[in-house]
């Protein structure tokens, strides 16, 4: 994943969480008879956010490991 992709994904997630939508303003509709739609949207957004953070963290670790291997090879 390139760093250019991380910023737009963060902006989209921020906008989805920060600005209310018409279907999140009212809790009249229920999913499965017990789950309000705004709560389901929030849960889904948090799951997507968690996956995003895990992917970015894994990318950061991979880049750090690659850089440390390159430094070790240069020292030899």
PDB file of N, CA and C in Angstrom:
ATOM      1  N   UNK A   1       0.851  -1.170   0.000  1.00  0.00           N
ATOM      2  CA  UNK A   1       0.000   0.000   0.000  1.00  0.00           C
ATOM      3  C   UNK A   1       0.896   1.232   0.000  1.00  0.00           C
ATOM      4  N   UNK A   2       0.585   2.142  -0.850  1.00  0.00           N
ATOM      5  CA  UNK A   2       1.380   3.356  -0.924  1.00  0.00           C
ATOM      6  C   UNK A   2       0.803   4.393   0.023  1.00  0.00           C
ATOM      7  N   UNK A   3       1.641   5.309   0.445  1.00  0.00           N
ATOM      8  CA  UNK A   3       1.196   6.347   1.366  1.00  0.00           C
ATOM      9  C   UNK A   3       0.154   7.259   0.736  1.00  0.00           C
ATOM     10  N   UNK A   4       0.133   7.362  -0.581  1.00  0.00           N
ATOM     11  CA  UNK A   4      -0.850   8.200  -1.258  1.00  0.00           C
ATOM     12  C   UNK A   4      -2.262   7.647  -1.094  1.00  0.00           C
ATOM     13  N   UNK A   5      -2.402   6.361  -0.875  1.00  0.00           N
ATOM     14  CA  UNK A   5      -3.717   5.739  -0.721  1.00  0.00           C
ATOM     15  C   UNK A   5      -4.244   5.924   0.702  1.00  0.00           C
ATOM     16  N   UNK A   6      -3.371   5.996   1.672  1.00  0.00           N
ATOM     17  CA  UNK A   6      -3.773   6.055   3.077  1.00  0.00           C
ATOM     18  C   UNK A   6      -4.562   7.322   3.380  1.00  0.00           C
ATOM     19  N   UNK A   7      -4.121   8.451   2.877  1.00  0.00           N
ATOM     20  CA  UNK A   7      -4.776   9.723   3.193  1.00  0.00           C
ATOM     21  C   UNK A   7      -6.209   9.780   2.651  1.00  0.00           C
ATOM     22  N   UNK A   8      -6.470   9.421   1.380  1.00  0.00           N
ATOM     23  CA  UNK A   8      -7.873   9.444   0.928  1.00  0.00           C
ATOM     24  C   UNK A   8      -8.782   8.484   1.698  1.00  0.00           C
ATOM     25  N   UNK A   9      -8.271   7.315   2.057  1.00  0.00           N
ATOM     26  CA  UNK A   9      -9.081   6.370   2.834  1.00  0.00           C
ATOM     27  C   UNK A   9      -9.412   6.970   4.195  1.00  0.00           C
ATOM     28  N   UNK A  10      -8.435   7.601   4.833  1.00  0.00           N
ATOM     29  CA  UNK A  10      -8.675   8.247   6.120  1.00  0.00           C
ATOM     30  C   UNK A  10      -9.721   9.347   5.983  1.00  0.00           C
ATOM     31  N   UNK A  11      -9.627  10.146   4.931  1.00  0.00           N
ATOM     32  CA  UNK A  11     -10.583  11.239   4.728  1.00  0.00           C
ATOM     33  C   UNK A  11     -11.997  10.692   4.534  1.00  0.00           C
ATOM     34  N   UNK A  12     -12.141   9.638   3.751  1.00  0.00           N
ATOM     35  CA  UNK A  12     -13.466   9.041   3.536  1.00  0.00           C
ATOM     36  C   UNK A  12     -14.033   8.503   4.844  1.00  0.00           C
ATOM     37  N   UNK A  13     -13.224   7.794   5.617  1.00  0.00           N
ATOM     38  CA  UNK A  13     -13.701   7.274   6.905  1.00  0.00           C
ATOM     39  C   UNK A  13     -14.079   8.407   7.852  1.00  0.00           C
ATOM     40  N   UNK A  14     -13.298   9.482   7.848  1.00  0.00           N
ATOM     41  CA  UNK A  14     -13.603  10.629   8.706  1.00  0.00           C
ATOM     42  C   UNK A  14     -14.930  11.268   8.306  1.00  0.00           C
ATOM     43  N   UNK A  15     -15.129  11.453   7.007  1.00  0.00           N
ATOM     44  CA  UNK A  15     -16.375  12.063   6.537  1.00  0.00           C
ATOM     45  C   UNK A  15     -17.575  11.182   6.881  1.00  0.00           C
ATOM     46  N   UNK A  16     -17.443   9.867   6.690  1.00  0.00           N
ATOM     47  CA  UNK A  16     -18.544   8.960   7.020  1.00  0.00           C
ATOM     48  C   UNK A  16     -18.897   9.011   8.500  1.00  0.00           C
ATOM     49  N   UNK A  17     -17.892   9.215   9.355  1.00  0.00           N
ATOM     50  CA  UNK A  17     -18.153   9.252  10.787  1.00  0.00           C
ATOM     51  C   UNK A  17     -18.542  10.616  11.316  1.00  0.00           C
ATOM     52  N   UNK A  18     -18.102  11.684  10.649  1.00  0.00           N
ATOM     53  CA  UNK A  18     -18.299  13.026  11.186  1.00  0.00           C
ATOM     54  C   UNK A  18     -19.621  13.661  10.766  1.00  0.00           C
ATOM     55  N   UNK A  19     -20.067  13.381   9.560  1.00  0.00           N
ATOM     56  CA  UNK A  19     -21.260  14.048   9.055  1.00  0.00           C
ATOM     57  C   UNK A  19     -22.470  13.124   9.125  1.00  0.00           C
ATOM     58  N   UNK A  20     -23.558  13.600   9.721  1.00  0.00           N
ATOM     59  CA  UNK A  20     -24.750  12.755   9.817  1.00  0.00           C
ATOM     60  C   UNK A  20     -25.454  12.637   8.464  1.00  0.00           C
ATOM     61  N   UNK A  21     -25.989  11.464   8.213  1.00  0.00           N
ATOM     62  CA  UNK A  21     -26.766  11.223   7.010  1.00  0.00           C
ATOM     63  C   UNK A  21     -28.238  11.157   7.382  1.00  0.00           C
ATOM     64  N   UNK A  22     -29.091  11.192   6.378  1.00  0.00           N
ATOM     65  CA  UNK A  22     -30.528  11.189   6.636  1.00  0.00           C
ATOM     66  C   UNK A  22     -30.956   9.929   7.386  1.00  0.00           C
ATOM     67  N   UNK A  23     -30.395   8.778   7.008  1.00  0.00           N
ATOM     68  CA  UNK A  23     -30.816   7.532   7.658  1.00  0.00           C
ATOM     69  C   UNK A  23     -30.200   7.352   9.042  1.00  0.00           C
ATOM     70  N   UNK A  24     -29.181   8.143   9.394  1.00  0.00           N
ATOM     71  CA  UNK A  24     -28.616   8.036  10.738  1.00  0.00           C
ATOM     72  C   UNK A  24     -29.223   9.050  11.698  1.00  0.00           C
ATOM     73  N   UNK A  25     -29.961  10.013  11.175  1.00  0.00           N
ATOM     74  CA  UNK A  25     -30.552  11.046  12.028  1.00  0.00           C
ATOM     75  C   UNK A  25     -31.758  10.520  12.802  1.00  0.00           C
ATOM     76  N   UNK A  26     -32.439   9.533  12.259  1.00  0.00           N
ATOM     77  CA  UNK A  26     -33.627   8.990  12.913  1.00  0.00           C
ATOM     78  C   UNK A  26     -33.427   7.502  13.151  1.00  0.00           C
ATOM     79  N   UNK A  27     -33.912   7.033  14.263  1.00  0.00           N
ATOM     80  CA  UNK A  27     -33.742   5.611  14.580  1.00  0.00           C
ATOM     81  C   UNK A  27     -35.053   4.843  14.412  1.00  0.00           C
ATOM     82  N   UNK A  28     -35.852   5.206  13.436  1.00  0.00           N
ATOM     83  CA  UNK A  28     -37.146   4.557  13.239  1.00  0.00           C
ATOM     84  C   UNK A  28     -37.046   3.162  12.649  1.00  0.00           C
ATOM     85  N   UNK A  29     -36.038   2.907  11.836  1.00  0.00           N
ATOM     86  CA  UNK A  29     -35.906   1.604  11.183  1.00  0.00           C
ATOM     87  C   UNK A  29     -35.016   0.680  12.003  1.00  0.00           C
ATOM     88  N   UNK A  30     -35.362  -0.602  11.969  1.00  0.00           N
ATOM     89  CA  UNK A  30     -34.599  -1.609  12.697  1.00  0.00           C
ATOM     90  C   UNK A  30     -34.185  -2.729  11.753  1.00  0.00           C
ATOM     91  N   UNK A  31     -32.997  -3.250  11.970  1.00  0.00           N
ATOM     92  CA  UNK A  31     -32.532  -4.427  11.252  1.00  0.00           C
ATOM     93  C   UNK A  31     -32.721  -5.633  12.160  1.00  0.00           C
ATOM     94  N   UNK A  32     -33.213  -6.705  11.612  1.00  0.00           N
ATOM     95  CA  UNK A  32     -33.441  -7.948  12.356  1.00  0.00           C
ATOM     96  C   UNK A  32     -34.417  -7.762  13.510  1.00  0.00           C
ATOM     97  N   UNK A  33     -35.166  -6.687  13.505  1.00  0.00           N
ATOM     98  CA  UNK A  33     -36.173  -6.444  14.518  1.00  0.00           C
ATOM     99  C   UNK A  33     -35.670  -5.856  15.819  1.00  0.00           C
ATOM    100  N   UNK A  34     -34.373  -5.670  15.974  1.00  0.00           N
ATOM    101  CA  UNK A  34     -33.862  -5.157  17.249  1.00  0.00           C
ATOM    102  C   UNK A  34     -32.696  -4.187  17.099  1.00  0.00           C
ATOM    103  N   UNK A  35     -32.054  -4.131  15.936  1.00  0.00           N
ATOM    104  CA  UNK A  35     -30.848  -3.324  15.755  1.00  0.00           C
ATOM    105  C   UNK A  35     -31.177  -2.041  14.997  1.00  0.00           C
ATOM    106  N   UNK A  36     -31.087  -0.879  15.668  1.00  0.00           N
ATOM    107  CA  UNK A  36     -31.347   0.383  14.972  1.00  0.00           C
ATOM    108  C   UNK A  36     -30.334   0.609  13.846  1.00  0.00           C
ATOM    109  N   UNK A  37     -30.790   1.157  12.738  1.00  0.00           N
ATOM    110  CA  UNK A  37     -29.932   1.376  11.571  1.00  0.00           C
ATOM    111  C   UNK A  37     -28.734   2.273  11.898  1.00  0.00           C
ATOM    112  N   UNK A  38     -28.901   3.383  12.645  1.00  0.00           N
ATOM    113  CA  UNK A  38     -27.715   4.200  12.958  1.00  0.00           C
ATOM    114  C   UNK A  38     -26.657   3.433  13.755  1.00  0.00           C
ATOM    115  N   UNK A  39     -27.094   2.578  14.662  1.00  0.00           N
ATOM    116  CA  UNK A  39     -26.140   1.790  15.438  1.00  0.00           C
ATOM    117  C   UNK A  39     -25.428   0.774  14.551  1.00  0.00           C
ATOM    118  N   UNK A  40     -26.157   0.153  13.640  1.00  0.00           N
ATOM    119  CA  UNK A  40     -25.542  -0.797  12.703  1.00  0.00           C
ATOM    120  C   UNK A  40     -24.539  -0.086  11.811  1.00  0.00           C
ATOM    121  N   UNK A  41     -24.867   1.117  11.362  1.00  0.00           N
ATOM    122  CA  UNK A  41     -23.942   1.908  10.548  1.00  0.00           C
ATOM    123  C   UNK A  41     -22.680   2.224  11.347  1.00  0.00           C
ATOM    124  N   UNK A  42     -22.847   2.601  12.606  1.00  0.00           N
ATOM    125  CA  UNK A  42     -21.696   2.936  13.448  1.00  0.00           C
ATOM    126  C   UNK A  42     -20.822   1.704  13.666  1.00  0.00           C
ATOM    127  N   UNK A  43     -21.433   0.562  13.940  1.00  0.00           N
ATOM    128  CA  UNK A  43     -20.660  -0.675  14.122  1.00  0.00           C
ATOM    129  C   UNK A  43     -19.896  -1.030  12.852  1.00  0.00           C
ATOM    130  N   UNK A  44     -20.559  -0.931  11.717  1.00  0.00           N
ATOM    131  CA  UNK A  44     -19.900  -1.226  10.443  1.00  0.00           C
ATOM    132  C   UNK A  44     -18.738  -0.270  10.198  1.00  0.00           C
ATOM    133  N   UNK A  45     -18.943   0.995  10.499  1.00  0.00           N
ATOM    134  CA  UNK A  45     -17.879   1.983  10.328  1.00  0.00           C
ATOM    135  C   UNK A  45     -16.700   1.683  11.253  1.00  0.00           C
ATOM    136  N   UNK A  46     -16.960   1.254  12.463  1.00  0.00           N
ATOM    137  CA  UNK A  46     -15.870   0.920  13.386  1.00  0.00           C
ATOM    138  C   UNK A  46     -15.104  -0.316  12.922  1.00  0.00           C
ATOM    139  N   UNK A  47     -15.788  -1.295  12.370  1.00  0.00           N
ATOM    140  CA  UNK A  47     -15.115  -2.494  11.847  1.00  0.00           C
ATOM    141  C   UNK A  47     -14.225  -2.123  10.669  1.00  0.00           C
ATOM    142  N   UNK A  48     -14.746  -1.302   9.759  1.00  0.00           N
ATOM    143  CA  UNK A  48     -13.942  -0.857   8.617  1.00  0.00           C
ATOM    144  C   UNK A  48     -12.743  -0.052   9.101  1.00  0.00           C
ATOM    145  N   UNK A  49     -12.944   0.785  10.099  1.00  0.00           N
ATOM    146  CA  UNK A  49     -11.854   1.577  10.662  1.00  0.00           C
ATOM    147  C   UNK A  49     -10.792   0.678  11.292  1.00  0.00           C
ATOM    148  N   UNK A  50     -11.204  -0.347  12.002  1.00  0.00           N
ATOM    149  CA  UNK A  50     -10.259  -1.277  12.608  1.00  0.00           C
ATOM    150  C   UNK A  50      -9.437  -1.994  11.543  1.00  0.00           C
ATOM    151  N   UNK A  51     -10.093  -2.446  10.488  1.00  0.00           N
ATOM    152  CA  UNK A  51      -9.376  -3.108   9.394  1.00  0.00           C
ATOM    153  C   UNK A  51      -8.386  -2.145   8.758  1.00  0.00           C
ATOM    154  N   UNK A  52      -8.793  -0.901   8.558  1.00  0.00           N
ATOM    155  CA  UNK A  52      -7.904   0.113   7.993  1.00  0.00           C
ATOM    156  C   UNK A  52      -6.675   0.319   8.875  1.00  0.00           C
ATOM    157  N   UNK A  53      -6.872   0.437  10.168  1.00  0.00           N
ATOM    158  CA  UNK A  53      -5.747   0.633  11.092  1.00  0.00           C
ATOM    159  C   UNK A  53      -4.823  -0.582  11.076  1.00  0.00           C
ATOM    160  N   UNK A  54      -5.382  -1.782  11.039  1.00  0.00           N
ATOM    161  CA  UNK A  54      -4.552  -2.985  10.994  1.00  0.00           C
ATOM    162  C   UNK A  54      -3.736  -3.063   9.709  1.00  0.00           C
ATOM    163  N   UNK A  55      -4.328  -2.711   8.579  1.00  0.00           N
ATOM    164  CA  UNK A  55      -3.603  -2.742   7.306  1.00  0.00           C
ATOM    165  C   UNK A  55      -2.487  -1.710   7.296  1.00  0.00           C
ATOM    166  N   UNK A  56      -2.763  -0.514   7.769  1.00  0.00           N
ATOM    167  CA  UNK A  56      -1.733   0.533   7.807  1.00  0.00           C
ATOM    168  C   UNK A  56      -0.614   0.136   8.767  1.00  0.00           C
ATOM    169  N   UNK A  57      -0.951  -0.445   9.899  1.00  0.00           N
ATOM    170  CA  UNK A  57       0.074  -0.879  10.857  1.00  0.00           C
ATOM    171  C   UNK A  57       0.942  -1.978  10.263  1.00  0.00           C
ATOM    172  N   UNK A  58       0.318  -2.929   9.583  1.00  0.00           N
ATOM    173  CA  UNK A  58       1.089  -4.005   8.946  1.00  0.00           C
ATOM    174  C   UNK A  58       2.019  -3.443   7.879  1.00  0.00           C
ATOM    175  N   UNK A  59       1.534  -2.498   7.102  1.00  0.00           N
ATOM    176  CA  UNK A  59       2.365  -1.863   6.079  1.00  0.00           C
ATOM    177  C   UNK A  59       3.546  -1.142   6.726  1.00  0.00           C
ATOM    178  N   UNK A  60       3.294  -0.433   7.820  1.00  0.00           N
ATOM    179  CA  UNK A  60       4.355   0.282   8.525  1.00  0.00           C
ATOM    180  C   UNK A  60       5.419  -0.691   9.029  1.00  0.00           C
ATOM    181  N   UNK A  61       4.997  -1.816   9.586  1.00  0.00           N
ATOM    182  CA  UNK A  61       5.943  -2.816  10.090  1.00  0.00           C
ATOM    183  C   UNK A  61       6.746  -3.415   8.941  1.00  0.00           C
ATOM    184  N   UNK A  62       6.089  -3.733   7.830  1.00  0.00           N
ATOM    185  CA  UNK A  62       6.799  -4.297   6.682  1.00  0.00           C
ATOM    186  C   UNK A  62       7.840  -3.333   6.134  1.00  0.00           C
ATOM    187  N   UNK A  63       7.504  -2.069   6.032  1.00  0.00           N
ATOM    188  CA  UNK A  63       8.454  -1.069   5.536  1.00  0.00           C
ATOM    189  C   UNK A  63       9.618  -0.934   6.509  1.00  0.00           C
ATOM    190  N   UNK A  64       9.348  -0.938   7.792  1.00  0.00           N
ATOM    191  CA  UNK A  64      10.421  -0.835   8.790  1.00  0.00           C
ATOM    192  C   UNK A  64      11.353  -2.038   8.717  1.00  0.00           C
ATOM    193  N   UNK A  65      10.790  -3.231   8.556  1.00  0.00           N
ATOM    194  CA  UNK A  65      11.625  -4.433   8.444  1.00  0.00           C
ATOM    195  C   UNK A  65      12.474  -4.390   7.180  1.00  0.00           C
ATOM    196  N   UNK A  66      11.885  -3.941   6.080  1.00  0.00           N
ATOM    197  CA  UNK A  66      12.636  -3.828   4.830  1.00  0.00           C
ATOM    198  C   UNK A  66      13.792  -2.841   4.967  1.00  0.00           C
ATOM    199  N   UNK A  67      13.538  -1.714   5.612  1.00  0.00           N
ATOM    200  CA  UNK A  67      14.586  -0.710   5.801  1.00  0.00           C
ATOM    201  C   UNK A  67      15.695  -1.241   6.699  1.00  0.00           C
ATOM    202  N   UNK A  68      15.335  -1.983   7.744  1.00  0.00           N
ATOM    203  CA  UNK A  68      16.367  -2.521   8.633  1.00  0.00           C
ATOM    204  C   UNK A  68      17.198  -3.582   7.916  1.00  0.00           C
ATOM    205  N   UNK A  69      16.569  -4.395   7.054  1.00  0.00           N
ATOM    206  CA  UNK A  69      17.322  -5.386   6.277  1.00  0.00           C
ATOM    207  C   UNK A  69      18.269  -4.695   5.298  1.00  0.00           C
ATOM    208  N   UNK A  70      17.804  -3.625   4.675  1.00  0.00           N
ATOM    209  CA  UNK A  70      18.654  -2.883   3.747  1.00  0.00           C
ATOM    210  C   UNK A  70      19.854  -2.276   4.467  1.00  0.00           C
ATOM    211  N   UNK A  71      19.636  -1.765   5.675  1.00  0.00           N
ATOM    212  CA  UNK A  71      20.736  -1.187   6.452  1.00  0.00           C
ATOM    213  C   UNK A  71      21.743  -2.261   6.845  1.00  0.00           C
ATOM    214  N   UNK A  72      21.250  -3.453   7.203  1.00  0.00           N
ATOM    215  CA  UNK A  72      22.152  -4.551   7.569  1.00  0.00           C
ATOM    216  C   UNK A  72      22.984  -4.991   6.371  1.00  0.00           C
ATOM    217  N   UNK A  73      22.370  -5.036   5.196  1.00  0.00           N
ATOM    218  CA  UNK A  73      23.106  -5.431   3.996  1.00  0.00           C
ATOM    219  C   UNK A  73      24.159  -4.394   3.626  1.00  0.00           C
ATOM    220  N   UNK A  74      23.870  -3.131   3.840  1.00  0.00           N
ATOM    221  CA  UNK A  74      24.833  -2.073   3.532  1.00  0.00           C
ATOM    222  C   UNK A  74      26.029  -2.122   4.474  1.00  0.00           C
ATOM    223  N   UNK A  75      25.804  -2.532   5.720  1.00  0.00           N
ATOM    224  CA  UNK A  75      26.891  -2.599   6.700  1.00  0.00           C
ATOM    225  C   UNK A  75      27.848  -3.737   6.388  1.00  0.00           C
ATOM    226  N   UNK A  76      27.376  -4.787   5.746  1.00  0.00           N
ATOM    227  CA  UNK A  76      28.224  -5.956   5.475  1.00  0.00           C
ATOM    228  C   UNK A  76      29.114  -5.739   4.323  1.00  0.00           C
TER     229      UNK A  76
END
